[in-house]
Amino acid sequence: MVPPGVREQIAPNWHYMHLHDHVLPALLQAGVTQAQLDTMLVDNPRRHFSPAKPSRHGTRRSRPERVQAVPSDLVAEATDRPLASVGLP
């Protein structure tokens, strides 16, 4: 439980729809593609929360799927800019 007034100080714009109302449109406007958003919001959680496939050697988890590398210029660009620069309130 968060003490009264703390959430308002550290996250004044927070509400249940903040991600969909503000963050995702700002990311799209900043150049993130819909396919990249789908990977972050659909594919990665599905892979993470899916039951592990049994391996040939018993109950151990199978080797994780290879994750497609993000181009280094995209990573550099994303890490060089503060979130405020992509228009988040």
PDB file of N, CA and C in Angstrom:
ATOM      1  N   MET A   1       0.838  -1.166   0.000  1.00  0.00           N
ATOM      2  CA  MET A   1       0.000   0.000   0.000  1.00  0.00           C
ATOM      3  C   MET A   1       0.895   1.244   0.000  1.00  0.00           C
ATOM      4  N   VAL A   2       0.540   2.185  -0.805  1.00  0.00           N
ATOM      5  CA  VAL A   2       1.296   3.429  -0.912  1.00  0.00           C
ATOM      6  C   VAL A   2       0.616   4.475  -0.026  1.00  0.00           C
ATOM      7  N   PRO A   3       1.398   5.179   0.773  1.00  0.00           N
ATOM      8  CA  PRO A   3       0.798   6.204   1.630  1.00  0.00           C
ATOM      9  C   PRO A   3       0.063   7.269   0.803  1.00  0.00           C
ATOM     10  N   PRO A   4      -1.002   7.847   1.346  1.00  0.00           N
ATOM     11  CA  PRO A   4      -1.770   8.863   0.618  1.00  0.00           C
ATOM     12  C   PRO A   4      -0.868  10.013   0.167  1.00  0.00           C
ATOM     13  N   GLY A   5      -1.054  10.436  -1.076  1.00  0.00           N
ATOM     14  CA  GLY A   5      -0.318  11.566  -1.613  1.00  0.00           C
ATOM     15  C   GLY A   5       0.984  11.209  -2.307  1.00  0.00           C
ATOM     16  N   VAL A   6       1.537  10.011  -2.031  1.00  0.00           N
ATOM     17  CA  VAL A   6       2.822   9.641  -2.625  1.00  0.00           C
ATOM     18  C   VAL A   6       2.667   9.376  -4.121  1.00  0.00           C
ATOM     19  N   ARG A   7       1.660   8.581  -4.507  1.00  0.00           N
ATOM     20  CA  ARG A   7       1.457   8.294  -5.924  1.00  0.00           C
ATOM     21  C   ARG A   7       1.262   9.570  -6.718  1.00  0.00           C
ATOM     22  N   GLU A   8       0.514  10.493  -6.185  1.00  0.00           N
ATOM     23  CA  GLU A   8       0.254  11.754  -6.877  1.00  0.00           C
ATOM     24  C   GLU A   8       1.545  12.545  -7.081  1.00  0.00           C
ATOM     25  N   GLN A   9       2.495  12.419  -6.162  1.00  0.00           N
ATOM     26  CA  GLN A   9       3.761  13.132  -6.286  1.00  0.00           C
ATOM     27  C   GLN A   9       4.697  12.466  -7.290  1.00  0.00           C
ATOM     28  N   ILE A  10       4.790  11.137  -7.258  1.00  0.00           N
ATOM     29  CA  ILE A  10       5.752  10.468  -8.126  1.00  0.00           C
ATOM     30  C   ILE A  10       5.188  10.140  -9.513  1.00  0.00           C
ATOM     31  N   ALA A  11       3.878  10.068  -9.649  1.00  0.00           N
ATOM     32  CA  ALA A  11       3.255   9.747 -10.938  1.00  0.00           C
ATOM     33  C   ALA A  11       1.927  10.491 -11.066  1.00  0.00           C
ATOM     34  N   PRO A  12       1.990  11.808 -11.255  1.00  0.00           N
ATOM     35  CA  PRO A  12       0.754  12.595 -11.252  1.00  0.00           C
ATOM     36  C   PRO A  12      -0.210  12.257 -12.391  1.00  0.00           C
ATOM     37  N   ASN A  13       0.289  11.735 -13.508  1.00  0.00           N
ATOM     38  CA  ASN A  13      -0.581  11.430 -14.648  1.00  0.00           C
ATOM     39  C   ASN A  13      -0.995   9.971 -14.703  1.00  0.00           C
ATOM     40  N   TRP A  14      -0.694   9.203 -13.654  1.00  0.00           N
ATOM     41  CA  TRP A  14      -0.970   7.787 -13.699  1.00  0.00           C
ATOM     42  C   TRP A  14      -2.464   7.508 -13.589  1.00  0.00           C
ATOM     43  N   HIS A  15      -2.913   6.626 -14.443  1.00  0.00           N
ATOM     44  CA  HIS A  15      -4.237   6.023 -14.353  1.00  0.00           C
ATOM     45  C   HIS A  15      -4.176   4.748 -15.197  1.00  0.00           C
ATOM     46  N   TYR A  16      -5.179   3.928 -15.131  1.00  0.00           N
ATOM     47  CA  TYR A  16      -5.137   2.625 -15.780  1.00  0.00           C
ATOM     48  C   TYR A  16      -4.946   2.694 -17.293  1.00  0.00           C
ATOM     49  N   MET A  17      -5.334   3.753 -17.923  1.00  0.00           N
ATOM     50  CA  MET A  17      -5.218   3.871 -19.376  1.00  0.00           C
ATOM     51  C   MET A  17      -4.003   4.688 -19.806  1.00  0.00           C
ATOM     52  N   HIS A  18      -3.135   5.062 -18.881  1.00  0.00           N
ATOM     53  CA  HIS A  18      -1.981   5.915 -19.204  1.00  0.00           C
ATOM     54  C   HIS A  18      -1.128   5.321 -20.330  1.00  0.00           C
ATOM     55  N   LEU A  19      -0.848   4.035 -20.253  1.00  0.00           N
ATOM     56  CA  LEU A  19      -0.026   3.398 -21.278  1.00  0.00           C
ATOM     57  C   LEU A  19      -0.668   3.554 -22.653  1.00  0.00           C
ATOM     58  N   HIS A  20      -1.943   3.239 -22.760  1.00  0.00           N
ATOM     59  CA  HIS A  20      -2.629   3.294 -24.058  1.00  0.00           C
ATOM     60  C   HIS A  20      -2.953   4.715 -24.496  1.00  0.00           C
ATOM     61  N   ASP A  21      -3.231   5.585 -23.568  1.00  0.00           N
ATOM     62  CA  ASP A  21      -3.591   6.958 -23.927  1.00  0.00           C
ATOM     63  C   ASP A  21      -2.391   7.844 -24.228  1.00  0.00           C
ATOM     64  N   HIS A  22      -1.259   7.607 -23.546  1.00  0.00           N
ATOM     65  CA  HIS A  22      -0.128   8.522 -23.673  1.00  0.00           C
ATOM     66  C   HIS A  22       1.156   7.866 -24.165  1.00  0.00           C
ATOM     67  N   VAL A  23       1.551   6.758 -23.547  1.00  0.00           N
ATOM     68  CA  VAL A  23       2.858   6.168 -23.846  1.00  0.00           C
ATOM     69  C   VAL A  23       2.901   5.587 -25.263  1.00  0.00           C
ATOM     70  N   LEU A  24       1.941   4.748 -25.623  1.00  0.00           N
ATOM     71  CA  LEU A  24       1.975   4.115 -26.945  1.00  0.00           C
ATOM     72  C   LEU A  24       1.874   5.131 -28.083  1.00  0.00           C
ATOM     73  N   PRO A  25       0.974   6.110 -28.026  1.00  0.00           N
ATOM     74  CA  PRO A  25       0.970   7.113 -29.096  1.00  0.00           C
ATOM     75  C   PRO A  25       2.291   7.883 -29.189  1.00  0.00           C
ATOM     76  N   ALA A  26       2.904   8.174 -28.053  1.00  0.00           N
ATOM     77  CA  ALA A  26       4.183   8.889 -28.071  1.00  0.00           C
ATOM     78  C   ALA A  26       5.273   8.029 -28.697  1.00  0.00           C
ATOM     79  N   LEU A  27       5.277   6.737 -28.401  1.00  0.00           N
ATOM     80  CA  LEU A  27       6.263   5.850 -29.006  1.00  0.00           C
ATOM     81  C   LEU A  27       6.067   5.745 -30.514  1.00  0.00           C
ATOM     82  N   LEU A  28       4.816   5.628 -30.956  1.00  0.00           N
ATOM     83  CA  LEU A  28       4.537   5.581 -32.393  1.00  0.00           C
ATOM     84  C   LEU A  28       4.990   6.867 -33.077  1.00  0.00           C
ATOM     85  N   GLN A  29       4.717   7.983 -32.453  1.00  0.00           N
ATOM     86  CA  GLN A  29       5.110   9.274 -33.009  1.00  0.00           C
ATOM     87  C   GLN A  29       6.634   9.416 -33.050  1.00  0.00           C
ATOM     88  N   ALA A  30       7.328   8.773 -32.128  1.00  0.00           N
ATOM     89  CA  ALA A  30       8.788   8.846 -32.071  1.00  0.00           C
ATOM     90  C   ALA A  30       9.458   7.869 -33.037  1.00  0.00           C
ATOM     91  N   GLY A  31       8.661   7.064 -33.735  1.00  0.00           N
ATOM     92  CA  GLY A  31       9.239   6.178 -34.741  1.00  0.00           C
ATOM     93  C   GLY A  31       9.231   4.702 -34.431  1.00  0.00           C
ATOM     94  N   VAL A  32       8.712   4.306 -33.279  1.00  0.00           N
ATOM     95  CA  VAL A  32       8.576   2.880 -32.982  1.00  0.00           C
ATOM     96  C   VAL A  32       7.474   2.345 -33.886  1.00  0.00           C
ATOM     97  N   THR A  33       7.715   1.194 -34.504  1.00  0.00           N
ATOM     98  CA  THR A  33       6.726   0.645 -35.434  1.00  0.00           C
ATOM     99  C   THR A  33       5.659  -0.151 -34.682  1.00  0.00           C
ATOM    100  N   GLN A  34       4.533  -0.349 -35.352  1.00  0.00           N
ATOM    101  CA  GLN A  34       3.468  -1.153 -34.764  1.00  0.00           C
ATOM    102  C   GLN A  34       3.944  -2.582 -34.550  1.00  0.00           C
ATOM    103  N   ALA A  35       4.783  -3.089 -35.443  1.00  0.00           N
ATOM    104  CA  ALA A  35       5.317  -4.443 -35.282  1.00  0.00           C
ATOM    105  C   ALA A  35       6.180  -4.538 -34.020  1.00  0.00           C
ATOM    106  N   GLN A  36       6.966  -3.504 -33.732  1.00  0.00           N
ATOM    107  CA  GLN A  36       7.779  -3.499 -32.521  1.00  0.00           C
ATOM    108  C   GLN A  36       6.899  -3.451 -31.273  1.00  0.00           C
ATOM    109  N   LEU A  37       5.829  -2.657 -31.316  1.00  0.00           N
ATOM    110  CA  LEU A  37       4.896  -2.610 -30.184  1.00  0.00           C
ATOM    111  C   LEU A  37       4.225  -3.964 -29.992  1.00  0.00           C
ATOM    112  N   ASP A  38       3.844  -4.610 -31.096  1.00  0.00           N
ATOM    113  CA  ASP A  38       3.224  -5.931 -30.995  1.00  0.00           C
ATOM    114  C   ASP A  38       4.186  -6.931 -30.359  1.00  0.00           C
ATOM    115  N   THR A  39       5.458  -6.842 -30.705  1.00  0.00           N
ATOM    116  CA  THR A  39       6.452  -7.722 -30.100  1.00  0.00           C
ATOM    117  C   THR A  39       6.532  -7.475 -28.601  1.00  0.00           C
ATOM    118  N   MET A  40       6.586  -6.200 -28.206  1.00  0.00           N
ATOM    119  CA  MET A  40       6.714  -5.862 -26.782  1.00  0.00           C
ATOM    120  C   MET A  40       5.478  -6.229 -25.978  1.00  0.00           C
ATOM    121  N   LEU A  41       4.294  -5.972 -26.551  1.00  0.00           N
ATOM    122  CA  LEU A  41       3.060  -6.091 -25.782  1.00  0.00           C
ATOM    123  C   LEU A  41       2.315  -7.411 -25.965  1.00  0.00           C
ATOM    124  N   VAL A  42       2.618  -8.146 -27.048  1.00  0.00           N
ATOM    125  CA  VAL A  42       1.894  -9.392 -27.312  1.00  0.00           C
ATOM    126  C   VAL A  42       2.841 -10.588 -27.354  1.00  0.00           C
ATOM    127  N   ASP A  43       3.821 -10.530 -28.249  1.00  0.00           N
ATOM    128  CA  ASP A  43       4.682 -11.700 -28.464  1.00  0.00           C
ATOM    129  C   ASP A  43       5.546 -12.030 -27.248  1.00  0.00           C
ATOM    130  N   ASN A  44       6.221 -11.028 -26.673  1.00  0.00           N
ATOM    131  CA  ASN A  44       7.089 -11.296 -25.520  1.00  0.00           C
ATOM    132  C   ASN A  44       6.307 -11.813 -24.310  1.00  0.00           C
ATOM    133  N   PRO A  45       5.193 -11.176 -23.923  1.00  0.00           N
ATOM    134  CA  PRO A  45       4.431 -11.740 -22.795  1.00  0.00           C
ATOM    135  C   PRO A  45       3.898 -13.150 -23.091  1.00  0.00           C
ATOM    136  N   ARG A  46       3.461 -13.397 -24.316  1.00  0.00           N
ATOM    137  CA  ARG A  46       2.959 -14.736 -24.665  1.00  0.00           C
ATOM    138  C   ARG A  46       4.071 -15.762 -24.487  1.00  0.00           C
ATOM    139  N   ARG A  47       5.268 -15.442 -24.971  1.00  0.00           N
ATOM    140  CA  ARG A  47       6.395 -16.367 -24.839  1.00  0.00           C
ATOM    141  C   ARG A  47       6.769 -16.563 -23.373  1.00  0.00           C
ATOM    142  N   HIS A  48       6.760 -15.472 -22.612  1.00  0.00           N
ATOM    143  CA  HIS A  48       7.153 -15.557 -21.201  1.00  0.00           C
ATOM    144  C   HIS A  48       6.158 -16.373 -20.374  1.00  0.00           C
ATOM    145  N   PHE A  49       4.869 -16.188 -20.609  1.00  0.00           N
ATOM    146  CA  PHE A  49       3.846 -16.838 -19.780  1.00  0.00           C
ATOM    147  C   PHE A  49       3.349 -18.175 -20.336  1.00  0.00           C
ATOM    148  N   SER A  50       3.847 -18.592 -21.488  1.00  0.00           N
ATOM    149  CA  SER A  50       3.461 -19.889 -22.037  1.00  0.00           C
ATOM    150  C   SER A  50       4.157 -20.994 -21.257  1.00  0.00           C
ATOM    151  N   PRO A  51       3.509 -22.139 -21.129  1.00  0.00           N
ATOM    152  CA  PRO A  51       4.160 -23.257 -20.427  1.00  0.00           C
ATOM    153  C   PRO A  51       5.429 -23.651 -21.174  1.00  0.00           C
ATOM    154  N   ALA A  52       6.423 -24.074 -20.408  1.00  0.00           N
ATOM    155  CA  ALA A  52       7.691 -24.507 -21.003  1.00  0.00           C
ATOM    156  C   ALA A  52       7.469 -25.781 -21.789  1.00  0.00           C
ATOM    157  N   LYS A  53       8.131 -25.888 -22.918  1.00  0.00           N
ATOM    158  CA  LYS A  53       8.061 -27.101 -23.710  1.00  0.00           C
ATOM    159  C   LYS A  53       8.987 -28.133 -23.080  1.00  0.00           C
ATOM    160  N   PRO A  54       8.516 -29.366 -22.890  1.00  0.00           N
ATOM    161  CA  PRO A  54       9.405 -30.378 -22.308  1.00  0.00           C
ATOM    162  C   PRO A  54      10.558 -30.668 -23.266  1.00  0.00           C
ATOM    163  N   SER A  55      11.728 -30.888 -22.708  1.00  0.00           N
ATOM    164  CA  SER A  55      12.892 -31.188 -23.538  1.00  0.00           C
ATOM    165  C   SER A  55      12.999 -32.697 -23.728  1.00  0.00           C
ATOM    166  N   ARG A  56      13.924 -33.100 -24.547  1.00  0.00           N
ATOM    167  CA  ARG A  56      14.137 -34.536 -24.785  1.00  0.00           C
ATOM    168  C   ARG A  56      14.700 -35.222 -23.554  1.00  0.00           C
ATOM    169  N   HIS A  57      15.257 -34.452 -22.616  1.00  0.00           N
ATOM    170  CA  HIS A  57      15.962 -35.029 -21.478  1.00  0.00           C
ATOM    171  C   HIS A  57      15.156 -34.966 -20.186  1.00  0.00           C
ATOM    172  N   GLY A  58      13.861 -34.960 -20.272  1.00  0.00           N
ATOM    173  CA  GLY A  58      13.066 -34.954 -19.052  1.00  0.00           C
ATOM    174  C   GLY A  58      12.304 -33.653 -18.865  1.00  0.00           C
ATOM    175  N   THR A  59      12.318 -33.138 -17.631  1.00  0.00           N
ATOM    176  CA  THR A  59      11.471 -31.996 -17.302  1.00  0.00           C
ATOM    177  C   THR A  59      12.183 -30.655 -17.412  1.00  0.00           C
ATOM    178  N   ARG A  60      13.417 -30.633 -17.854  1.00  0.00           N
ATOM    179  CA  ARG A  60      14.118 -29.355 -17.968  1.00  0.00           C
ATOM    180  C   ARG A  60      13.484 -28.516 -19.060  1.00  0.00           C
ATOM    181  N   ARG A  61      13.610 -27.238 -18.893  1.00  0.00           N
ATOM    182  CA  ARG A  61      13.074 -26.319 -19.905  1.00  0.00           C
ATOM    183  C   ARG A  61      13.901 -26.406 -21.175  1.00  0.00           C
ATOM    184  N   SER A  62      13.230 -26.263 -22.295  1.00  0.00           N
ATOM    185  CA  SER A  62      13.954 -26.263 -23.559  1.00  0.00           C
ATOM    186  C   SER A  62      14.711 -24.942 -23.714  1.00  0.00           C
ATOM    187  N   ARG A  63      15.652 -24.952 -24.604  1.00  0.00           N
ATOM    188  CA  ARG A  63      16.442 -23.745 -24.855  1.00  0.00           C
ATOM    189  C   ARG A  63      15.511 -22.635 -25.331  1.00  0.00           C
ATOM    190  N   PRO A  64      15.642 -21.413 -24.789  1.00  0.00           N
ATOM    191  CA  PRO A  64      14.755 -20.326 -25.208  1.00  0.00           C
ATOM    192  C   PRO A  64      14.950 -19.986 -26.676  1.00  0.00           C
ATOM    193  N   GLU A  65      13.893 -19.476 -27.273  1.00  0.00           N
ATOM    194  CA  GLU A  65      13.979 -19.061 -28.667  1.00  0.00           C
ATOM    195  C   GLU A  65      14.957 -17.910 -28.802  1.00  0.00           C
ATOM    196  N   ARG A  66      15.564 -17.825 -29.959  1.00  0.00           N
ATOM    197  CA  ARG A  66      16.460 -16.702 -30.204  1.00  0.00           C
ATOM    198  C   ARG A  66      15.625 -15.442 -30.355  1.00  0.00           C
ATOM    199  N   VAL A  67      16.080 -14.387 -29.728  1.00  0.00           N
ATOM    200  CA  VAL A  67      15.403 -13.101 -29.818  1.00  0.00           C
ATOM    201  C   VAL A  67      16.080 -12.303 -30.913  1.00  0.00           C
ATOM    202  N   GLN A  68      15.267 -11.730 -31.786  1.00  0.00           N
ATOM    203  CA  GLN A  68      15.831 -10.948 -32.875  1.00  0.00           C
ATOM    204  C   GLN A  68      16.520  -9.713 -32.311  1.00  0.00           C
ATOM    205  N   ALA A  69      17.728  -9.483 -32.739  1.00  0.00           N
ATOM    206  CA  ALA A  69      18.503  -8.348 -32.250  1.00  0.00           C
ATOM    207  C   ALA A  69      17.889  -7.036 -32.719  1.00  0.00           C
ATOM    208  N   VAL A  70      17.956  -6.048 -31.855  1.00  0.00           N
ATOM    209  CA  VAL A  70      17.486  -4.709 -32.199  1.00  0.00           C
ATOM    210  C   VAL A  70      18.656  -3.976 -32.838  1.00  0.00           C
ATOM    211  N   PRO A  71      18.433  -3.280 -33.951  1.00  0.00           N
ATOM    212  CA  PRO A  71      19.535  -2.546 -34.561  1.00  0.00           C
ATOM    213  C   PRO A  71      20.180  -1.600 -33.545  1.00  0.00           C
ATOM    214  N   SER A  72      21.502  -1.581 -33.535  1.00  0.00           N
ATOM    215  CA  SER A  72      22.215  -0.791 -32.524  1.00  0.00           C
ATOM    216  C   SER A  72      21.907   0.688 -32.612  1.00  0.00           C
ATOM    217  N   ASP A  73      21.615   1.201 -33.809  1.00  0.00           N
ATOM    218  CA  ASP A  73      21.293   2.627 -33.909  1.00  0.00           C
ATOM    219  C   ASP A  73      19.957   2.927 -33.240  1.00  0.00           C
ATOM    220  N   LEU A  74      19.009   1.988 -33.277  1.00  0.00           N
ATOM    221  CA  LEU A  74      17.737   2.184 -32.600  1.00  0.00           C
ATOM    222  C   LEU A  74      17.934   2.198 -31.092  1.00  0.00           C
ATOM    223  N   VAL A  75      18.771   1.294 -30.580  1.00  0.00           N
ATOM    224  CA  VAL A  75      19.053   1.258 -29.149  1.00  0.00           C
ATOM    225  C   VAL A  75      19.740   2.546 -28.728  1.00  0.00           C
ATOM    226  N   ALA A  76      20.740   2.970 -29.493  1.00  0.00           N
ATOM    227  CA  ALA A  76      21.462   4.202 -29.153  1.00  0.00           C
ATOM    228  C   ALA A  76      20.512   5.389 -29.163  1.00  0.00           C
ATOM    229  N   GLU A  77      19.654   5.447 -30.177  1.00  0.00           N
ATOM    230  CA  GLU A  77      18.719   6.569 -30.260  1.00  0.00           C
ATOM    231  C   GLU A  77      17.759   6.549 -29.082  1.00  0.00           C
ATOM    232  N   ALA A  78      17.270   5.365 -28.719  1.00  0.00           N
ATOM    233  CA  ALA A  78      16.309   5.263 -27.622  1.00  0.00           C
ATOM    234  C   ALA A  78      16.946   5.611 -26.282  1.00  0.00           C
ATOM    235  N   THR A  79      18.207   5.272 -26.100  1.00  0.00           N
ATOM    236  CA  THR A  79      18.830   5.522 -24.809  1.00  0.00           C
ATOM    237  C   THR A  79      19.408   6.926 -24.696  1.00  0.00           C
ATOM    238  N   ASP A  80      19.596   7.606 -25.819  1.00  0.00           N
ATOM    239  CA  ASP A  80      20.160   8.957 -25.790  1.00  0.00           C
ATOM    240  C   ASP A  80      19.112  10.022 -25.511  1.00  0.00           C
ATOM    241  N   ARG A  81      17.837   9.693 -25.687  1.00  0.00           N
ATOM    242  CA  ARG A  81      16.792  10.698 -25.533  1.00  0.00           C
ATOM    243  C   ARG A  81      16.000  10.452 -24.264  1.00  0.00           C
ATOM    244  N   PRO A  82      15.763  11.484 -23.478  1.00  0.00           N
ATOM    245  CA  PRO A  82      14.899  11.305 -22.310  1.00  0.00           C
ATOM    246  C   PRO A  82      13.459  11.060 -22.753  1.00  0.00           C
ATOM    247  N   LEU A  83      12.684  10.416 -21.906  1.00  0.00           N
ATOM    248  CA  LEU A  83      11.288  10.119 -22.257  1.00  0.00           C
ATOM    249  C   LEU A  83      10.498  11.379 -22.569  1.00  0.00           C
ATOM    250  N   ALA A  84      10.837  12.486 -21.930  1.00  0.00           N
ATOM    251  CA  ALA A  84      10.108  13.723 -22.186  1.00  0.00           C
ATOM    252  C   ALA A  84      10.228  14.127 -23.644  1.00  0.00           C
ATOM    253  N   SER A  85      11.335  13.731 -24.309  1.00  0.00           N
ATOM    254  CA  SER A  85      11.523  14.127 -25.701  1.00  0.00           C
ATOM    255  C   SER A  85      10.596  13.396 -26.659  1.00  0.00           C
ATOM    256  N   VAL A  86       9.952  12.314 -26.216  1.00  0.00           N
ATOM    257  CA  VAL A  86       9.005  11.627 -27.075  1.00  0.00           C
ATOM    258  C   VAL A  86       7.580  12.069 -26.796  1.00  0.00           C
ATOM    259  N   GLY A  87       7.421  13.086 -25.986  1.00  0.00           N
ATOM    260  CA  GLY A  87       6.110  13.695 -25.776  1.00  0.00           C
ATOM    261  C   GLY A  87       5.277  13.107 -24.665  1.00  0.00           C
ATOM    262  N   LEU A  88       5.883  12.401 -23.732  1.00  0.00           N
ATOM    263  CA  LEU A  88       5.090  11.876 -22.611  1.00  0.00           C
ATOM    264  C   LEU A  88       4.780  12.977 -21.618  1.00  0.00           C
ATOM    265  N   PRO A  89       3.569  12.976 -21.101  1.00  0.00           N
ATOM    266  CA  PRO A  89       3.209  14.014 -20.125  1.00  0.00           C
ATOM    267  C   PRO A  89       3.877  13.777 -18.784  1.00  0.00           C
TER     268      PRO A  89
END
